[in-house]
PDB file of N, CA and C in Angstrom:
ATOM      1  N   MET A   1     -10.417  -7.325  -8.445  1.00  0.00           N
ATOM      2  CA  MET A   1      -9.829  -6.246  -7.648  1.00  0.00           C
ATOM      3  C   MET A   1     -10.275  -4.901  -8.242  1.00  0.00           C
ATOM      4  N   ALA A   2     -10.628  -3.993  -7.377  1.00  0.00           N
ATOM      5  CA  ALA A   2     -11.099  -2.668  -7.793  1.00  0.00           C
ATOM      6  C   ALA A   2      -9.948  -1.829  -8.361  1.00  0.00           C
ATOM      7  N   ASP A   3     -10.286  -0.867  -9.192  1.00  0.00           N
ATOM      8  CA  ASP A   3      -9.276   0.006  -9.802  1.00  0.00           C
ATOM      9  C   ASP A   3      -8.450   0.736  -8.749  1.00  0.00           C
ATOM     10  N   ASP A   4      -9.132   1.238  -7.705  1.00  0.00           N
ATOM     11  CA  ASP A   4      -8.424   1.983  -6.662  1.00  0.00           C
ATOM     12  C   ASP A   4      -7.445   1.085  -5.909  1.00  0.00           C
ATOM     13  N   GLU A   5      -7.841  -0.160  -5.671  1.00  0.00           N
ATOM     14  CA  GLU A   5      -6.927  -1.096  -5.008  1.00  0.00           C
ATOM     15  C   GLU A   5      -5.696  -1.329  -5.876  1.00  0.00           C
ATOM     16  N   GLN A   6      -5.912  -1.448  -7.161  1.00  0.00           N
ATOM     17  CA  GLN A   6      -4.790  -1.655  -8.082  1.00  0.00           C
ATOM     18  C   GLN A   6      -3.875  -0.435  -8.103  1.00  0.00           C
ATOM     19  N   LYS A   7      -4.457   0.766  -8.035  1.00  0.00           N
ATOM     20  CA  LYS A   7      -3.651   1.997  -7.987  1.00  0.00           C
ATOM     21  C   LYS A   7      -2.738   1.992  -6.760  1.00  0.00           C
ATOM     22  N   VAL A   8      -3.298   1.591  -5.620  1.00  0.00           N
ATOM     23  CA  VAL A   8      -2.517   1.550  -4.376  1.00  0.00           C
ATOM     24  C   VAL A   8      -1.395   0.524  -4.501  1.00  0.00           C
ATOM     25  N   LEU A   9      -1.712  -0.665  -4.999  1.00  0.00           N
ATOM     26  CA  LEU A   9      -0.687  -1.702  -5.174  1.00  0.00           C
ATOM     27  C   LEU A   9       0.406  -1.244  -6.137  1.00  0.00           C
ATOM     28  N   ASP A  10       0.014  -0.596  -7.228  1.00  0.00           N
ATOM     29  CA  ASP A  10       0.993  -0.105  -8.196  1.00  0.00           C
ATOM     30  C   ASP A  10       1.902   0.952  -7.574  1.00  0.00           C
ATOM     31  N   ALA A  11       1.319   1.851  -6.797  1.00  0.00           N
ATOM     32  CA  ALA A  11       2.112   2.904  -6.144  1.00  0.00           C
ATOM     33  C   ALA A  11       3.125   2.292  -5.181  1.00  0.00           C
ATOM     34  N   LEU A  12       2.702   1.285  -4.428  1.00  0.00           N
ATOM     35  CA  LEU A  12       3.611   0.625  -3.484  1.00  0.00           C
ATOM     36  C   LEU A  12       4.717  -0.125  -4.214  1.00  0.00           C
ATOM     37  N   LYS A  13       4.356  -0.779  -5.295  1.00  0.00           N
ATOM     38  CA  LYS A  13       5.351  -1.530  -6.061  1.00  0.00           C
ATOM     39  C   LYS A  13       6.364  -0.575  -6.701  1.00  0.00           C
ATOM     40  N   ASP A  14       5.871   0.537  -7.253  1.00  0.00           N
ATOM     41  CA  ASP A  14       6.747   1.522  -7.898  1.00  0.00           C
ATOM     42  C   ASP A  14       7.688   2.176  -6.897  1.00  0.00           C
ATOM     43  N   ALA A  15       7.212   2.393  -5.684  1.00  0.00           N
ATOM     44  CA  ALA A  15       8.025   3.053  -4.663  1.00  0.00           C
ATOM     45  C   ALA A  15       9.170   2.165  -4.208  1.00  0.00           C
ATOM     46  N   ALA A  16       8.954   0.862  -4.175  1.00  0.00           N
ATOM     47  CA  ALA A  16       9.968  -0.110  -3.745  1.00  0.00           C
ATOM     48  C   ALA A  16      10.473   0.166  -2.334  1.00  0.00           C
ATOM     49  N   LYS A  17       9.661   0.857  -1.553  1.00  0.00           N
ATOM     50  CA  LYS A  17       9.984   1.105  -0.141  1.00  0.00           C
ATOM     51  C   LYS A  17       8.668   1.299   0.602  1.00  0.00           C
ATOM     52  N   PRO A  18       8.664   1.084   1.899  1.00  0.00           N
ATOM     53  CA  PRO A  18       7.426   1.304   2.663  1.00  0.00           C
ATOM     54  C   PRO A  18       6.987   2.764   2.589  1.00  0.00           C
ATOM     55  N   MET A  19       5.668   2.958   2.528  1.00  0.00           N
ATOM     56  CA  MET A  19       5.102   4.307   2.429  1.00  0.00           C
ATOM     57  C   MET A  19       4.022   4.505   3.482  1.00  0.00           C
ATOM     58  N   ARG A  20       3.826   5.742   3.885  1.00  0.00           N
ATOM     59  CA  ARG A  20       2.727   6.104   4.776  1.00  0.00           C
ATOM     60  C   ARG A  20       1.455   6.259   3.941  1.00  0.00           C
ATOM     61  N   PRO A  21       0.287   6.087   4.559  1.00  0.00           N
ATOM     62  CA  PRO A  21      -0.965   6.260   3.816  1.00  0.00           C
ATOM     63  C   PRO A  21      -1.076   7.614   3.111  1.00  0.00           C
ATOM     64  N   GLY A  22      -0.590   8.673   3.731  1.00  0.00           N
ATOM     65  CA  GLY A  22      -0.636   9.997   3.120  1.00  0.00           C
ATOM     66  C   GLY A  22       0.198  10.083   1.852  1.00  0.00           C
ATOM     67  N   GLU A  23       1.351   9.414   1.861  1.00  0.00           N
ATOM     68  CA  GLU A  23       2.204   9.388   0.672  1.00  0.00           C
ATOM     69  C   GLU A  23       1.537   8.601  -0.457  1.00  0.00           C
ATOM     70  N   ILE A  24       0.863   7.519  -0.081  1.00  0.00           N
ATOM     71  CA  ILE A  24       0.155   6.707  -1.073  1.00  0.00           C
ATOM     72  C   ILE A  24      -0.983   7.525  -1.678  1.00  0.00           C
ATOM     73  N   ALA A  25      -1.703   8.256  -0.832  1.00  0.00           N
ATOM     74  CA  ALA A  25      -2.798   9.104  -1.313  1.00  0.00           C
ATOM     75  C   ALA A  25      -2.275  10.137  -2.307  1.00  0.00           C
ATOM     76  N   GLU A  26      -1.139  10.752  -1.989  1.00  0.00           N
ATOM     77  CA  GLU A  26      -0.528  11.738  -2.889  1.00  0.00           C
ATOM     78  C   GLU A  26      -0.144  11.105  -4.223  1.00  0.00           C
ATOM     79  N   ALA A  27       0.443   9.923  -4.148  1.00  0.00           N
ATOM     80  CA  ALA A  27       0.923   9.244  -5.356  1.00  0.00           C
ATOM     81  C   ALA A  27      -0.223   8.774  -6.257  1.00  0.00           C
ATOM     82  N   THR A  28      -1.353   8.440  -5.645  1.00  0.00           N
ATOM     83  CA  THR A  28      -2.469   7.884  -6.420  1.00  0.00           C
ATOM     84  C   THR A  28      -3.543   8.896  -6.748  1.00  0.00           C
ATOM     85  N   GLY A  29      -3.559  10.019  -6.029  1.00  0.00           N
ATOM     86  CA  GLY A  29      -4.612  11.016  -6.234  1.00  0.00           C
ATOM     87  C   GLY A  29      -5.898  10.652  -5.515  1.00  0.00           C
ATOM     88  N   LEU A  30      -5.848   9.649  -4.646  1.00  0.00           N
ATOM     89  CA  LEU A  30      -7.029   9.229  -3.887  1.00  0.00           C
ATOM     90  C   LEU A  30      -7.082   9.964  -2.553  1.00  0.00           C
ATOM     91  N   ASP A  31      -8.257  10.000  -1.944  1.00  0.00           N
ATOM     92  CA  ASP A  31      -8.441  10.585  -0.630  1.00  0.00           C
ATOM     93  C   ASP A  31      -7.742   9.698   0.409  1.00  0.00           C
ATOM     94  N   SER A  32      -7.111  10.304   1.407  1.00  0.00           N
ATOM     95  CA  SER A  32      -6.352   9.522   2.386  1.00  0.00           C
ATOM     96  C   SER A  32      -7.235   8.569   3.195  1.00  0.00           C
ATOM     97  N   LYS A  33      -8.480   8.960   3.467  1.00  0.00           N
ATOM     98  CA  LYS A  33      -9.387   8.056   4.182  1.00  0.00           C
ATOM     99  C   LYS A  33      -9.704   6.823   3.328  1.00  0.00           C
ATOM    100  N   GLU A  34      -9.863   7.051   2.038  1.00  0.00           N
ATOM    101  CA  GLU A  34     -10.121   5.943   1.107  1.00  0.00           C
ATOM    102  C   GLU A  34      -8.905   5.017   1.050  1.00  0.00           C
ATOM    103  N   VAL A  35      -7.711   5.600   1.018  1.00  0.00           N
ATOM    104  CA  VAL A  35      -6.477   4.813   0.995  1.00  0.00           C
ATOM    105  C   VAL A  35      -6.383   3.951   2.249  1.00  0.00           C
ATOM    106  N   SER A  36      -6.733   4.509   3.393  1.00  0.00           N
ATOM    107  CA  SER A  36      -6.689   3.738   4.641  1.00  0.00           C
ATOM    108  C   SER A  36      -7.622   2.537   4.588  1.00  0.00           C
ATOM    109  N   LYS A  37      -8.820   2.718   4.040  1.00  0.00           N
ATOM    110  CA  LYS A  37      -9.769   1.600   3.896  1.00  0.00           C
ATOM    111  C   LYS A  37      -9.212   0.535   2.963  1.00  0.00           C
ATOM    112  N   ILE A  38      -8.654   0.993   1.847  1.00  0.00           N
ATOM    113  CA  ILE A  38      -8.095   0.060   0.867  1.00  0.00           C
ATOM    114  C   ILE A  38      -6.934  -0.722   1.479  1.00  0.00           C
ATOM    115  N   LEU A  39      -6.063  -0.028   2.214  1.00  0.00           N
ATOM    116  CA  LEU A  39      -4.930  -0.702   2.850  1.00  0.00           C
ATOM    117  C   LEU A  39      -5.403  -1.774   3.823  1.00  0.00           C
ATOM    118  N   LYS A  40      -6.453  -1.472   4.579  1.00  0.00           N
ATOM    119  CA  LYS A  40      -6.990  -2.446   5.519  1.00  0.00           C
ATOM    120  C   LYS A  40      -7.452  -3.705   4.782  1.00  0.00           C
ATOM    121  N   ASN A  41      -8.166  -3.508   3.672  1.00  0.00           N
ATOM    122  CA  ASN A  41      -8.645  -4.643   2.871  1.00  0.00           C
ATOM    123  C   ASN A  41      -7.485  -5.428   2.264  1.00  0.00           C
ATOM    124  N   LEU A  42      -6.516  -4.708   1.715  1.00  0.00           N
ATOM    125  CA  LEU A  42      -5.380  -5.371   1.082  1.00  0.00           C
ATOM    126  C   LEU A  42      -4.517  -6.108   2.101  1.00  0.00           C
ATOM    127  N   LYS A  43      -4.408  -5.540   3.301  1.00  0.00           N
ATOM    128  CA  LYS A  43      -3.614  -6.197   4.347  1.00  0.00           C
ATOM    129  C   LYS A  43      -4.279  -7.501   4.776  1.00  0.00           C
ATOM    130  N   SER A  44      -5.601  -7.488   4.892  1.00  0.00           N
ATOM    131  CA  SER A  44      -6.298  -8.725   5.293  1.00  0.00           C
ATOM    132  C   SER A  44      -6.239  -9.770   4.182  1.00  0.00           C
ATOM    133  N   ALA A  45      -6.025  -9.334   2.935  1.00  0.00           N
ATOM    134  CA  ALA A  45      -5.886 -10.262   1.809  1.00  0.00           C
ATOM    135  C   ALA A  45      -4.415 -10.633   1.571  1.00  0.00           C
ATOM    136  N   ASP A  46      -3.532 -10.183   2.447  1.00  0.00           N
ATOM    137  CA  ASP A  46      -2.082 -10.431   2.349  1.00  0.00           C
ATOM    138  C   ASP A  46      -1.457  -9.880   1.071  1.00  0.00           C
ATOM    139  N   ALA A  47      -2.040  -8.830   0.508  1.00  0.00           N
ATOM    140  CA  ALA A  47      -1.480  -8.202  -0.688  1.00  0.00           C
ATOM    141  C   ALA A  47      -0.475  -7.110  -0.320  1.00  0.00           C
ATOM    142  N   VAL A  48      -0.591  -6.592   0.915  1.00  0.00           N
ATOM    143  CA  VAL A  48       0.379  -5.624   1.421  1.00  0.00           C
ATOM    144  C   VAL A  48       0.821  -6.064   2.809  1.00  0.00           C
ATOM    145  N   CYS A  49       1.980  -5.548   3.216  1.00  0.00           N
ATOM    146  CA  CYS A  49       2.473  -5.837   4.564  1.00  0.00           C
ATOM    147  C   CYS A  49       2.784  -4.509   5.249  1.00  0.00           C
ATOM    148  N   SER A  50       2.967  -4.578   6.540  1.00  0.00           N
ATOM    149  CA  SER A  50       3.320  -3.391   7.304  1.00  0.00           C
ATOM    150  C   SER A  50       4.639  -3.674   8.033  1.00  0.00           C
ATOM    151  N   PRO A  51       5.769  -3.358   7.375  1.00  0.00           N
ATOM    152  CA  PRO A  51       7.065  -3.673   7.970  1.00  0.00           C
ATOM    153  C   PRO A  51       7.371  -2.893   9.247  1.00  0.00           C
ATOM    154  N   LYS A  52       6.752  -1.726   9.396  1.00  0.00           N
ATOM    155  CA  LYS A  52       6.853  -0.994  10.656  1.00  0.00           C
ATOM    156  C   LYS A  52       5.592  -0.168  10.825  1.00  0.00           C
ATOM    157  N   ARG A  53       5.327   0.265  12.032  1.00  0.00           N
ATOM    158  CA  ARG A  53       4.082   0.951  12.363  1.00  0.00           C
ATOM    159  C   ARG A  53       3.818   2.134  11.434  1.00  0.00           C
ATOM    160  N   CYS A  54       2.601   2.178  10.896  1.00  0.00           N
ATOM    161  CA  CYS A  54       2.128   3.267  10.028  1.00  0.00           C
ATOM    162  C   CYS A  54       2.789   3.308   8.652  1.00  0.00           C
ATOM    163  N   PHE A  55       3.504   2.283   8.286  1.00  0.00           N
ATOM    164  CA  PHE A  55       4.091   2.192   6.955  1.00  0.00           C
ATOM    165  C   PHE A  55       3.585   0.926   6.288  1.00  0.00           C
ATOM    166  N   TYR A  56       3.373   1.012   4.989  1.00  0.00           N
ATOM    167  CA  TYR A  56       2.865  -0.139   4.229  1.00  0.00           C
ATOM    168  C   TYR A  56       3.736  -0.364   3.011  1.00  0.00           C
ATOM    169  N   ALA A  57       3.838  -1.626   2.617  1.00  0.00           N
ATOM    170  CA  ALA A  57       4.630  -1.985   1.438  1.00  0.00           C
ATOM    171  C   ALA A  57       3.916  -3.103   0.696  1.00  0.00           C
ATOM    172  N   HIS A  58       4.238  -3.238  -0.574  1.00  0.00           N
ATOM    173  CA  HIS A  58       3.701  -4.336  -1.386  1.00  0.00           C
ATOM    174  C   HIS A  58       4.161  -5.653  -0.756  1.00  0.00           C
ATOM    175  N   ALA A  59       3.359  -6.679  -0.844  1.00  0.00           N
ATOM    176  CA  ALA A  59       3.695  -7.975  -0.232  1.00  0.00           C
ATOM    177  C   ALA A  59       5.035  -8.501  -0.737  1.00  0.00           C
ATOM    178  N   ASP A  60       5.404  -8.191  -1.969  1.00  0.00           N
ATOM    179  CA  ASP A  60       6.696  -8.631  -2.508  1.00  0.00           C
ATOM    180  C   ASP A  60       7.863  -7.974  -1.788  1.00  0.00           C
ATOM    181  N   TYR A  61       7.642  -6.827  -1.163  1.00  0.00           N
ATOM    182  CA  TYR A  61       8.709  -6.122  -0.448  1.00  0.00           C
ATOM    183  C   TYR A  61       9.276  -6.998   0.662  1.00  0.00           C
ATOM    184  N   GLU A  62       8.394  -7.694   1.381  1.00  0.00           N
ATOM    185  CA  GLU A  62       8.819  -8.565   2.475  1.00  0.00           C
ATOM    186  C   GLU A  62       9.765  -9.650   1.973  1.00  0.00           C
ATOM    187  N   LYS A  63       9.466 -10.199   0.832  1.00  0.00           N
ATOM    188  CA  LYS A  63      10.275 -11.281   0.275  1.00  0.00           C
ATOM    189  C   LYS A  63      11.641 -10.786  -0.179  1.00  0.00           C
ATOM    190  N   THR A  64      11.692  -9.577  -0.739  1.00  0.00           N
ATOM    191  CA  THR A  64      12.956  -9.057  -1.254  1.00  0.00           C
ATOM    192  C   THR A  64      13.815  -8.426  -0.169  1.00  0.00           C
ATOM    193  N   SER A  65      13.221  -8.067   0.967  1.00  0.00           N
ATOM    194  CA  SER A  65      13.992  -7.402   2.017  1.00  0.00           C
ATOM    195  C   SER A  65      14.584  -8.379   3.015  1.00  0.00           C
ATOM    196  N   GLU A  66      14.279  -9.654   2.873  1.00  0.00           N
ATOM    197  CA  GLU A  66      14.819 -10.651   3.819  1.00  0.00           C
ATOM    198  C   GLU A  66      16.217 -11.061   3.445  1.00  0.00           C
TER     199      GLU A  66
END
């Protein structure tokens, strides 16, 4: 896993709530377009989920919110 992907996962895990891509970019210091690409990759790998439109959370969030 790339460093930037790990940064995004860490930010989502630390937040413990769904975040918008812009919030993730702010938290990680990455460009928002880059964050969007990373989220797409992580979502297809089931590492993140999207509990509601335009919000993303760590895959563990789904398990703890049920």
